[in-house]
Amino acid sequence: MTTKDLIKKYIPVGVLGVMTIIIVLCTYFPPFGTMICEMKSAPGDIDAQSTYTANFSLWHVDTLKITEIISSKDKEKLEEYKKSLEEDNNKFKKLNHFTNTISIEDETITNTTTIDYDKIDKKELKKIEKNFSNRMIRIGVLKKIYTKNGATCKYA
């Protein structure tokens, strides 16, 4: 067998192998799309359910929407929790492209936060949130953070 024959035989196999690897990687780590992570608290006096929806392109998070639903029969605890949420989010109010709404209805608080990472001033965000880094807005890092905290994530 000559070198030319070997090349004709193994080049297509190599190309097929590389294509298979690319397809598998894009299936498990898609470069574009939406990732949805959900987390529920253990049953108790206060029940919390969180949903994190991240839209991303080329593994970079474009927008992040966080929805937290907190339920309790104790209205005083709900009011305290609402005040705590307002204090936590108050420092972000001056940022453009960061929106937060907190509403209380019956025995439920709904806290919705939307962050547009493409348009937000990252330098100002870094001043407010010392732990923030540009690395945190990569979809893989975000997924790792959420799963470490107990959320289950899937790509939509």
C-alpha atoms as a PDB file:
ATOM      1  CA  MET A   1       0.000   0.000   0.000  1.00  0.00           C
ATOM      2  CA  THR A   2       1.378   3.385  -0.953  1.00  0.00           C
ATOM      3  CA  THR A   3       1.151   6.571   1.037  1.00  0.00           C
ATOM      4  CA  LYS A   4      -1.388   7.914  -1.438  1.00  0.00           C
ATOM      5  CA  ASP A   5      -3.630   4.893  -0.836  1.00  0.00           C
ATOM      6  CA  LEU A   6      -3.343   5.320   2.948  1.00  0.00           C
ATOM      7  CA  ILE A   7      -4.300   8.994   2.680  1.00  0.00           C
ATOM      8  CA  LYS A   8      -7.315   8.165   0.514  1.00  0.00           C
ATOM      9  CA  LYS A   9      -8.388   5.562   3.053  1.00  0.00           C
ATOM     10  CA  TYR A  10      -7.812   7.411   6.353  1.00  0.00           C
ATOM     11  CA  ILE A  11      -8.598  11.058   5.503  1.00  0.00           C
ATOM     12  CA  PRO A  12     -12.371  10.397   5.163  1.00  0.00           C
ATOM     13  CA  VAL A  13     -12.340   8.386   8.414  1.00  0.00           C
ATOM     14  CA  GLY A  14     -10.512  11.224  10.200  1.00  0.00           C
ATOM     15  CA  VAL A  15     -12.888  13.862   8.840  1.00  0.00           C
ATOM     16  CA  LEU A  16     -15.876  11.733   9.896  1.00  0.00           C
ATOM     17  CA  GLY A  17     -14.358  11.347  13.375  1.00  0.00           C
ATOM     18  CA  VAL A  18     -13.820  15.100  13.782  1.00  0.00           C
ATOM     19  CA  MET A  19     -17.374  15.828  12.568  1.00  0.00           C
ATOM     20  CA  THR A  20     -18.767  13.311  15.045  1.00  0.00           C
ATOM     21  CA  ILE A  21     -16.862  14.951  17.908  1.00  0.00           C
ATOM     22  CA  ILE A  22     -18.146  18.398  16.887  1.00  0.00           C
ATOM     23  CA  ILE A  23     -21.747  17.160  16.708  1.00  0.00           C
ATOM     24  CA  VAL A  24     -21.497  15.502  20.121  1.00  0.00           C
ATOM     25  CA  LEU A  25     -19.955  18.614  21.708  1.00  0.00           C
ATOM     26  CA  CYS A  26     -22.598  20.898  20.204  1.00  0.00           C
ATOM     27  CA  THR A  27     -25.328  18.564  21.471  1.00  0.00           C
ATOM     28  CA  TYR A  28     -24.085  18.563  25.063  1.00  0.00           C
ATOM     29  CA  PHE A  29     -22.744  22.139  25.086  1.00  0.00           C
ATOM     30  CA  PRO A  30     -24.798  24.060  22.502  1.00  0.00           C
ATOM     31  CA  PRO A  31     -23.262  27.347  21.333  1.00  0.00           C
ATOM     32  CA  PHE A  32     -26.664  29.083  20.979  1.00  0.00           C
ATOM     33  CA  GLY A  33     -30.000  28.797  22.726  1.00  0.00           C
ATOM     34  CA  THR A  34     -31.680  28.990  26.086  1.00  0.00           C
ATOM     35  CA  MET A  35     -30.814  27.277  29.329  1.00  0.00           C
ATOM     36  CA  ILE A  36     -33.512  26.854  31.965  1.00  0.00           C
ATOM     37  CA  CYS A  37     -32.580  25.928  35.525  1.00  0.00           C
ATOM     38  CA  GLU A  38     -35.132  25.181  38.220  1.00  0.00           C
ATOM     39  CA  MET A  39     -34.698  24.819  41.941  1.00  0.00           C
ATOM     40  CA  LYS A  40     -37.176  24.107  44.738  1.00  0.00           C
ATOM     41  CA  SER A  41     -36.637  24.391  48.455  1.00  0.00           C
ATOM     42  CA  ALA A  42     -37.274  21.617  50.914  1.00  0.00           C
ATOM     43  CA  PRO A  43     -40.830  21.580  52.246  1.00  0.00           C
ATOM     44  CA  GLY A  44     -41.305  23.744  55.296  1.00  0.00           C
ATOM     45  CA  ASP A  45     -42.894  26.919  56.570  1.00  0.00           C
ATOM     46  CA  ILE A  46     -41.470  28.916  53.655  1.00  0.00           C
ATOM     47  CA  ASP A  47     -41.609  27.286  50.237  1.00  0.00           C
ATOM     48  CA  ALA A  48     -39.379  28.739  47.513  1.00  0.00           C
ATOM     49  CA  GLN A  49     -39.218  27.951  43.831  1.00  0.00           C
ATOM     50  CA  SER A  50     -36.664  29.577  41.514  1.00  0.00           C
ATOM     51  CA  THR A  51     -36.411  29.541  37.741  1.00  0.00           C
ATOM     52  CA  TYR A  52     -33.345  30.874  35.920  1.00  0.00           C
ATOM     53  CA  THR A  53     -33.671  31.439  32.179  1.00  0.00           C
ATOM     54  CA  ALA A  54     -30.488  32.360  30.329  1.00  0.00           C
ATOM     55  CA  ASN A  55     -30.413  33.202  26.625  1.00  0.00           C
ATOM     56  CA  PHE A  56     -26.948  32.790  25.168  1.00  0.00           C
ATOM     57  CA  SER A  57     -24.974  32.895  21.937  1.00  0.00           C
ATOM     58  CA  LEU A  58     -21.498  31.446  21.414  1.00  0.00           C
ATOM     59  CA  TRP A  59     -21.586  30.302  25.070  1.00  0.00           C
ATOM     60  CA  HIS A  60     -21.902  33.937  26.253  1.00  0.00           C
ATOM     61  CA  VAL A  61     -25.015  34.867  28.290  1.00  0.00           C
ATOM     62  CA  ASP A  62     -26.944  37.659  26.599  1.00  0.00           C
ATOM     63  CA  THR A  63     -29.892  37.959  29.002  1.00  0.00           C
ATOM     64  CA  LEU A  64     -30.755  36.352  32.305  1.00  0.00           C
ATOM     65  CA  LYS A  65     -34.224  36.254  33.840  1.00  0.00           C
ATOM     66  CA  ILE A  66     -34.617  35.055  37.415  1.00  0.00           C
ATOM     67  CA  THR A  67     -38.072  34.329  38.801  1.00  0.00           C
ATOM     68  CA  GLU A  68     -38.457  33.449  42.465  1.00  0.00           C
ATOM     69  CA  ILE A  69     -41.790  32.467  43.979  1.00  0.00           C
ATOM     70  CA  ILE A  70     -41.851  32.348  47.773  1.00  0.00           C
ATOM     71  CA  SER A  71     -44.917  31.091  49.616  1.00  0.00           C
ATOM     72  CA  SER A  72     -45.749  31.066  53.307  1.00  0.00           C
ATOM     73  CA  LYS A  73     -48.831  31.150  55.475  1.00  0.00           C
ATOM     74  CA  ASP A  74     -47.032  33.568  57.838  1.00  0.00           C
ATOM     75  CA  LYS A  75     -47.661  37.065  56.422  1.00  0.00           C
ATOM     76  CA  GLU A  76     -45.050  38.658  58.724  1.00  0.00           C
ATOM     77  CA  LYS A  77     -42.302  36.395  57.385  1.00  0.00           C
ATOM     78  CA  LEU A  78     -43.341  37.257  53.850  1.00  0.00           C
ATOM     79  CA  GLU A  79     -43.164  40.992  54.609  1.00  0.00           C
ATOM     80  CA  GLU A  80     -39.714  40.550  56.188  1.00  0.00           C
ATOM     81  CA  TYR A  81     -38.540  38.553  53.170  1.00  0.00           C
ATOM     82  CA  LYS A  82     -39.904  41.203  50.798  1.00  0.00           C
ATOM     83  CA  LYS A  83     -38.022  43.950  52.682  1.00  0.00           C
ATOM     84  CA  SER A  84     -34.856  41.847  52.545  1.00  0.00           C
ATOM     85  CA  LEU A  85     -35.231  41.388  48.766  1.00  0.00           C
ATOM     86  CA  GLU A  86     -35.817  45.116  48.280  1.00  0.00           C
ATOM     87  CA  GLU A  87     -32.692  45.967  50.292  1.00  0.00           C
ATOM     88  CA  ASP A  88     -30.603  43.444  48.337  1.00  0.00           C
ATOM     89  CA  ASN A  89     -31.771  44.771  44.968  1.00  0.00           C
ATOM     90  CA  ASN A  90     -31.749  48.455  45.921  1.00  0.00           C
ATOM     91  CA  LYS A  91     -28.036  48.807  45.122  1.00  0.00           C
ATOM     92  CA  PHE A  92     -28.680  47.666  41.526  1.00  0.00           C
ATOM     93  CA  LYS A  93     -31.531  50.120  40.835  1.00  0.00           C
ATOM     94  CA  LYS A  94     -29.226  52.754  39.333  1.00  0.00           C
ATOM     95  CA  LEU A  95     -27.931  50.312  36.714  1.00  0.00           C
ATOM     96  CA  ASN A  96     -29.498  50.497  33.275  1.00  0.00           C
ATOM     97  CA  HIS A  97     -30.571  47.145  31.811  1.00  0.00           C
ATOM     98  CA  PHE A  98     -31.174  45.670  35.282  1.00  0.00           C
ATOM     99  CA  THR A  99     -34.843  45.439  36.204  1.00  0.00           C
ATOM    100  CA  ASN A 100     -36.399  43.998  39.316  1.00  0.00           C
ATOM    101  CA  THR A 101     -40.027  43.747  40.360  1.00  0.00           C
ATOM    102  CA  ILE A 102     -41.269  42.374  43.645  1.00  0.00           C
ATOM    103  CA  SER A 103     -44.956  41.772  44.186  1.00  0.00           C
ATOM    104  CA  ILE A 104     -46.842  40.208  47.043  1.00  0.00           C
ATOM    105  CA  GLU A 105     -50.219  38.610  46.581  1.00  0.00           C
ATOM    106  CA  ASP A 106     -52.060  36.582  49.207  1.00  0.00           C
ATOM    107  CA  GLU A 107     -49.452  34.160  50.588  1.00  0.00           C
ATOM    108  CA  THR A 108     -46.938  34.508  47.744  1.00  0.00           C
ATOM    109  CA  ILE A 109     -44.083  36.836  46.833  1.00  0.00           C
ATOM    110  CA  THR A 110     -42.970  36.941  43.217  1.00  0.00           C
ATOM    111  CA  ASN A 111     -39.509  38.391  42.608  1.00  0.00           C
ATOM    112  CA  THR A 112     -38.537  38.839  38.958  1.00  0.00           C
ATOM    113  CA  THR A 113     -35.108  40.087  37.908  1.00  0.00           C
ATOM    114  CA  THR A 114     -33.948  40.629  34.347  1.00  0.00           C
ATOM    115  CA  ILE A 115     -30.343  41.423  33.427  1.00  0.00           C
ATOM    116  CA  ASP A 116     -29.246  42.285  29.894  1.00  0.00           C
ATOM    117  CA  TYR A 117     -25.540  41.460  29.997  1.00  0.00           C
ATOM    118  CA  ASP A 118     -24.989  42.714  26.443  1.00  0.00           C
ATOM    119  CA  LYS A 119     -26.016  46.253  27.354  1.00  0.00           C
ATOM    120  CA  ILE A 120     -25.295  46.542  31.093  1.00  0.00           C
ATOM    121  CA  ASP A 121     -22.308  48.605  32.232  1.00  0.00           C
ATOM    122  CA  LYS A 122     -20.013  45.830  33.462  1.00  0.00           C
ATOM    123  CA  LYS A 123     -17.623  48.267  35.171  1.00  0.00           C
ATOM    124  CA  GLU A 124     -20.444  49.689  37.284  1.00  0.00           C
ATOM    125  CA  LEU A 125     -21.704  46.178  38.024  1.00  0.00           C
ATOM    126  CA  LYS A 126     -18.213  45.209  39.196  1.00  0.00           C
ATOM    127  CA  LYS A 127     -18.147  48.223  41.553  1.00  0.00           C
ATOM    128  CA  ILE A 128     -21.466  47.181  43.088  1.00  0.00           C
ATOM    129  CA  GLU A 129     -20.935  43.412  43.114  1.00  0.00           C
ATOM    130  CA  LYS A 130     -17.320  42.712  44.053  1.00  0.00           C
ATOM    131  CA  ASN A 131     -17.533  39.005  43.117  1.00  0.00           C
ATOM    132  CA  PHE A 132     -18.693  39.732  39.557  1.00  0.00           C
ATOM    133  CA  SER A 133     -16.380  38.917  36.678  1.00  0.00           C
ATOM    134  CA  ASN A 134     -16.853  38.649  32.915  1.00  0.00           C
ATOM    135  CA  ARG A 135     -16.150  34.945  33.314  1.00  0.00           C
ATOM    136  CA  MET A 136     -19.427  34.610  35.257  1.00  0.00           C
ATOM    137  CA  ILE A 137     -21.490  35.384  32.174  1.00  0.00           C
ATOM    138  CA  ARG A 138     -20.344  32.291  30.290  1.00  0.00           C
ATOM    139  CA  ILE A 139     -23.124  29.706  30.100  1.00  0.00           C
ATOM    140  CA  GLY A 140     -20.964  26.842  31.381  1.00  0.00           C
ATOM    141  CA  VAL A 141     -19.917  28.781  34.488  1.00  0.00           C
ATOM    142  CA  LEU A 142     -23.516  29.858  35.135  1.00  0.00           C
ATOM    143  CA  LYS A 143     -24.719  26.261  34.815  1.00  0.00           C
ATOM    144  CA  LYS A 144     -22.014  25.082  37.212  1.00  0.00           C
ATOM    145  CA  ILE A 145     -23.026  27.715  39.796  1.00  0.00           C
ATOM    146  CA  TYR A 146     -26.720  26.817  39.590  1.00  0.00           C
ATOM    147  CA  THR A 147     -26.217  23.049  39.699  1.00  0.00           C
ATOM    148  CA  LYS A 148     -23.831  23.439  42.646  1.00  0.00           C
ATOM    149  CA  ASN A 149     -26.634  25.265  44.478  1.00  0.00           C
ATOM    150  CA  GLY A 150     -29.086  22.435  43.763  1.00  0.00           C
ATOM    151  CA  ALA A 151     -30.792  23.454  40.530  1.00  0.00           C
ATOM    152  CA  THR A 152     -31.481  21.142  37.618  1.00  0.00           C
ATOM    153  CA  CYS A 153     -30.625  22.655  34.240  1.00  0.00           C
ATOM    154  CA  LYS A 154     -31.641  21.809  30.700  1.00  0.00           C
ATOM    155  CA  TYR A 155     -31.165  23.397  27.307  1.00  0.00           C
ATOM    156  CA  ALA A 156     -34.310  24.421  25.465  1.00  0.00           C
END
